[in-house]
Amino acid sequence: MSVRNYKDVRTATPVLAESQLKFRIGLARQRTQSYPLDSMEFIMMDMERPDGCRRFADFCTGDLTGRLLEFLSCSDGIDGKSDPRLSELFERILKRRLPSGLFGRSGFIVPEPGANECFAACARYFPGLIRYHALTGDSRALDAAIGLADLTIRSRDAWFDRLKQCGGRAIEFWITEPLALLYGVTGNKAYLCFVGMINDRLEMPDKGVHTHGYLATLRGLQLTALITGDAA
């Protein structure tokens, strides 16, 4: 029986032993590869919007594509497995980038008809791009994420008005999460200040909230605290 030299063990690369977390990641992998998610055309429908093709929530730009990009990037290799679709998924998402910095063909998620399209930057491809860059080092993913962040901070007044209107209880304020991650990568304090603006105006969820949107907003504040060391 051979024994590996301790110098040959790469401690920087996380590898999960048999555990509940490894089981759950495996279950998520199975779900993301099973029908109908075995079709990239089905997955990409929220961004590519082919004529005559619809699926549930295909109007939520990046809701499925972005979440899958995020999950596959975060989980890659840690359970000893990789998804061969990851690179193709990123390339197809990147092709849908618009001059504004947003992604998709048309019809963005905004709080109400006629609202500023900047709110669509909260789509889940935003954190997905950051996670993909962390995994691969692909500068195109970082550039795309920075484009979304810069669109957001340029529209600070519109976001502030929306924040006062709903006390931060709307889904789009989960943008705290990718902004915190991006601050950790770039050190751009404008992203941190934007998160601070949301933090200072965030109200308790006692008047009704989009539940997982609100919880993701809190997760973004938690990430900010972990990245900055500022418990406030």
Protein backbone atom coordinates (compact mmCIF):
# COMPACT_ATOMS: atom_id res chain seq x y z
CA MET A 1 0.00 0.00 0.00
CA SER A 2 1.58 3.27 -1.12
CA VAL A 3 1.41 6.38 1.00
CA ARG A 4 1.25 9.80 -0.70
CA ASN A 5 3.88 12.28 0.33
CA TYR A 6 2.23 15.19 2.15
CA LYS A 7 3.93 17.59 -0.29
CA ASP A 8 1.89 16.05 -3.12
CA VAL A 9 -1.44 17.00 -1.53
CA ARG A 10 -2.93 20.26 -2.88
CA THR A 11 -4.69 21.79 0.10
CA ALA A 12 -5.84 24.77 -1.99
CA THR A 13 -8.22 22.58 -4.00
CA PRO A 14 -11.31 21.64 -1.95
CA VAL A 15 -12.42 18.02 -2.29
CA LEU A 16 -15.50 16.82 -0.47
CA ALA A 17 -15.49 13.53 1.41
CA GLU A 18 -18.69 11.52 1.61
CA SER A 19 -21.08 13.90 3.32
CA GLN A 20 -24.54 15.40 3.25
CA LEU A 21 -23.20 18.35 1.23
CA LYS A 22 -21.69 16.04 -1.39
CA PHE A 23 -24.99 14.16 -1.59
CA ARG A 24 -26.94 17.39 -2.08
CA ILE A 25 -24.59 18.63 -4.79
CA GLY A 26 -24.96 15.29 -6.53
CA LEU A 27 -28.74 15.57 -6.30
CA ALA A 28 -28.62 19.07 -7.78
CA ARG A 29 -26.40 17.81 -10.60
CA GLN A 30 -28.92 15.09 -11.36
CA ARG A 31 -31.76 17.60 -11.46
CA THR A 32 -29.90 19.98 -13.75
CA GLN A 33 -29.16 17.18 -16.22
CA SER A 34 -32.58 15.54 -16.27
CA TYR A 35 -35.44 16.25 -18.66
CA PRO A 36 -36.19 18.98 -19.63
CA LEU A 37 -32.86 20.43 -18.47
CA ASP A 38 -31.04 17.94 -20.68
CA SER A 39 -31.73 20.38 -23.53
CA MET A 40 -29.54 23.46 -23.82
CA GLU A 41 -32.23 25.00 -26.04
CA PHE A 42 -34.72 24.68 -23.19
CA ILE A 43 -32.26 26.17 -20.69
CA MET A 44 -31.33 29.10 -22.93
CA MET A 45 -34.90 30.03 -23.82
CA ASP A 46 -35.00 32.89 -21.30
CA MET A 47 -32.14 34.63 -23.13
CA GLU A 48 -32.32 33.44 -26.71
CA ARG A 49 -36.13 33.60 -26.94
CA PRO A 50 -36.51 31.67 -30.21
CA ASP A 51 -39.63 32.49 -32.17
CA GLY A 52 -42.58 30.25 -31.32
CA CYS A 53 -40.92 28.68 -28.27
CA ARG A 54 -42.04 29.32 -24.71
CA ARG A 55 -41.54 27.81 -21.28
CA PHE A 56 -42.59 28.74 -17.77
CA ALA A 57 -40.93 31.96 -16.56
CA ASP A 58 -39.07 32.46 -19.82
CA PHE A 59 -39.67 36.19 -19.30
CA CYS A 60 -37.32 36.06 -16.27
CA THR A 61 -34.12 36.85 -18.14
CA GLY A 62 -31.26 34.87 -16.62
CA ASP A 63 -33.41 33.09 -14.05
CA LEU A 64 -32.53 29.60 -15.29
CA THR A 65 -29.43 30.32 -17.36
CA GLY A 66 -27.88 32.47 -14.65
CA ARG A 67 -28.67 30.09 -11.81
CA LEU A 68 -27.23 27.16 -13.73
CA LEU A 69 -24.07 29.12 -14.56
CA GLU A 70 -23.69 29.99 -10.88
CA PHE A 71 -24.28 26.46 -9.61
CA LEU A 72 -22.01 24.73 -12.11
CA SER A 73 -19.23 27.26 -11.47
CA CYS A 74 -19.47 26.96 -7.68
CA SER A 75 -19.65 23.16 -7.63
CA ASP A 76 -17.10 22.38 -10.33
CA GLY A 77 -14.59 19.81 -9.14
CA ILE A 78 -15.35 19.94 -5.43
CA ASP A 79 -17.19 16.62 -5.60
CA GLY A 80 -14.78 15.24 -8.16
CA LYS A 81 -17.14 16.01 -11.03
CA SER A 82 -17.51 18.66 -13.70
CA ASP A 83 -20.34 19.44 -16.09
CA PRO A 84 -19.18 19.51 -19.72
CA ARG A 85 -21.93 22.01 -20.57
CA LEU A 86 -20.42 24.80 -18.49
CA SER A 87 -18.22 26.34 -21.18
CA GLU A 88 -20.98 26.17 -23.81
CA LEU A 89 -23.47 27.70 -21.37
CA PHE A 90 -21.16 30.65 -20.69
CA GLU A 91 -20.43 31.24 -24.38
CA ARG A 92 -24.12 31.24 -25.28
CA ILE A 93 -24.94 33.61 -22.43
CA LEU A 94 -22.14 35.95 -23.46
CA LYS A 95 -23.50 36.10 -27.02
CA ARG A 96 -26.70 37.63 -25.63
CA ARG A 97 -24.95 40.65 -24.15
CA LEU A 98 -26.52 43.92 -25.27
CA PRO A 99 -24.88 47.35 -25.68
CA SER A 100 -26.52 48.44 -22.41
CA GLY A 101 -24.63 45.72 -20.54
CA LEU A 102 -27.80 43.70 -19.93
CA PHE A 103 -28.40 40.29 -21.48
CA GLY A 104 -31.20 38.73 -23.49
CA ARG A 105 -33.23 39.37 -26.59
CA SER A 106 -35.96 41.62 -25.22
CA GLY A 107 -38.33 42.08 -22.31
CA PHE A 108 -36.37 42.66 -19.13
CA ILE A 109 -37.47 42.09 -15.58
CA VAL A 110 -38.41 45.47 -14.11
CA PRO A 111 -40.61 46.31 -11.11
CA GLU A 112 -43.46 47.69 -13.21
CA PRO A 113 -44.25 48.60 -16.84
CA GLY A 114 -42.21 51.54 -18.02
CA ALA A 115 -39.71 51.33 -15.17
CA ASN A 116 -36.02 51.99 -15.73
CA GLU A 117 -34.45 48.92 -17.35
CA CYS A 118 -31.43 49.28 -15.02
CA PHE A 119 -33.33 47.16 -12.48
CA ALA A 120 -32.87 44.18 -14.80
CA ALA A 121 -29.20 44.05 -13.76
CA CYS A 122 -30.41 42.11 -10.71
CA ALA A 123 -30.84 38.99 -12.92
CA ARG A 124 -29.11 35.86 -11.68
CA TYR A 125 -26.56 35.81 -14.47
CA PHE A 126 -24.80 38.65 -12.59
CA PRO A 127 -23.45 36.48 -9.74
CA GLY A 128 -23.11 33.60 -12.22
CA LEU A 129 -20.60 35.61 -14.25
CA ILE A 130 -18.55 36.40 -11.14
CA ARG A 131 -18.50 32.76 -10.05
CA TYR A 132 -17.49 31.68 -13.57
CA HIS A 133 -14.62 34.16 -13.54
CA ALA A 134 -13.50 32.89 -10.13
CA LEU A 135 -13.40 29.36 -11.52
CA THR A 136 -11.84 29.98 -14.92
CA GLY A 137 -10.15 33.37 -14.77
CA ASP A 138 -11.93 34.32 -18.00
CA SER A 139 -11.68 38.12 -18.15
CA ARG A 140 -14.75 38.33 -20.39
CA ALA A 141 -16.93 37.15 -17.52
CA LEU A 142 -15.46 39.76 -15.19
CA ASP A 143 -15.85 42.50 -17.80
CA ALA A 144 -19.52 41.55 -18.26
CA ALA A 145 -20.13 41.59 -14.51
CA ILE A 146 -18.45 44.99 -14.18
CA GLY A 147 -20.68 46.27 -16.98
CA LEU A 148 -23.77 45.26 -14.99
CA ALA A 149 -22.38 46.82 -11.82
CA ASP A 150 -21.52 50.08 -13.55
CA LEU A 151 -24.98 50.26 -15.12
CA THR A 152 -26.38 49.87 -11.61
CA ILE A 153 -24.32 52.55 -9.88
CA ARG A 154 -24.91 54.99 -12.75
CA SER A 155 -28.62 54.55 -12.01
CA ARG A 156 -28.21 55.10 -8.27
CA ASP A 157 -31.00 57.72 -8.11
CA ALA A 158 -33.56 55.35 -9.64
CA TRP A 159 -32.51 52.58 -7.27
CA PHE A 160 -32.69 54.94 -4.30
CA ASP A 161 -36.22 56.01 -5.21
CA ARG A 162 -37.24 52.36 -5.53
CA LEU A 163 -35.56 51.59 -2.21
CA LYS A 164 -37.51 54.32 -0.40
CA GLN A 165 -40.72 53.18 -2.05
CA CYS A 166 -40.57 49.56 -0.88
CA GLY A 167 -38.07 49.55 1.96
CA GLY A 168 -35.82 47.12 0.11
CA ARG A 169 -38.44 44.38 0.24
CA ALA A 170 -38.52 43.82 -3.54
CA ILE A 171 -36.65 41.06 -5.32
CA GLU A 172 -34.22 43.29 -7.19
CA PHE A 173 -32.37 44.26 -4.00
CA TRP A 174 -30.70 40.88 -3.96
CA ILE A 175 -28.19 42.73 -6.14
CA THR A 176 -26.33 43.18 -2.84
CA GLU A 177 -24.93 39.68 -3.39
CA PRO A 178 -23.12 40.14 -6.73
CA LEU A 179 -22.06 43.69 -5.81
CA ALA A 180 -20.45 42.36 -2.63
CA LEU A 181 -18.70 39.59 -4.58
CA LEU A 182 -17.51 42.06 -7.20
CA TYR A 183 -16.20 44.43 -4.56
CA GLY A 184 -14.19 41.50 -3.20
CA VAL A 185 -12.66 40.97 -6.65
CA THR A 186 -12.08 44.56 -7.76
CA GLY A 187 -11.91 46.62 -4.57
CA ASN A 188 -14.13 49.25 -6.22
CA LYS A 189 -15.66 51.11 -3.27
CA ALA A 190 -18.55 52.36 -5.39
CA TYR A 191 -19.99 48.83 -5.27
CA LEU A 192 -19.56 48.74 -1.50
CA CYS A 193 -21.26 52.13 -1.11
CA PHE A 194 -24.22 50.92 -3.15
CA VAL A 195 -24.62 47.91 -0.86
CA GLY A 196 -24.36 50.28 2.10
CA MET A 197 -27.19 52.38 0.68
CA ILE A 198 -29.43 49.32 0.59
CA ASN A 199 -28.32 48.23 4.04
CA ASP A 200 -29.17 51.62 5.56
CA ARG A 201 -32.70 51.67 4.08
CA LEU A 202 -33.62 48.00 4.36
CA GLU A 203 -36.79 47.49 6.40
CA MET A 204 -38.12 44.46 8.23
CA PRO A 205 -40.22 42.04 6.13
CA ASP A 206 -43.40 42.71 8.10
CA LYS A 207 -45.31 44.29 5.20
CA GLY A 208 -44.93 41.42 2.76
CA VAL A 209 -41.84 40.50 0.75
CA HIS A 210 -40.63 38.35 -2.11
CA THR A 211 -39.26 35.82 0.37
CA HIS A 212 -36.21 34.34 -1.31
CA GLY A 213 -35.42 37.72 -2.85
CA TYR A 214 -35.35 39.29 0.61
CA LEU A 215 -33.28 36.44 2.04
CA ALA A 216 -30.81 36.74 -0.84
CA THR A 217 -30.58 40.47 -0.08
CA LEU A 218 -29.59 39.54 3.48
CA ARG A 219 -27.12 37.00 2.14
CA GLY A 220 -25.51 39.80 0.16
CA LEU A 221 -25.15 41.84 3.36
CA GLN A 222 -23.64 38.79 5.06
CA LEU A 223 -21.14 38.41 2.20
CA THR A 224 -20.27 42.08 2.53
CA ALA A 225 -19.53 41.61 6.22
CA LEU A 226 -17.37 38.55 5.52
CA ILE A 227 -15.43 40.28 2.73
CA THR A 228 -14.87 43.58 4.55
CA GLY A 229 -14.69 42.37 8.14
CA ASP A 230 -17.25 45.07 9.01
CA ALA A 231 -19.95 43.53 11.21
CA ALA A 232 -22.20 46.56 10.76
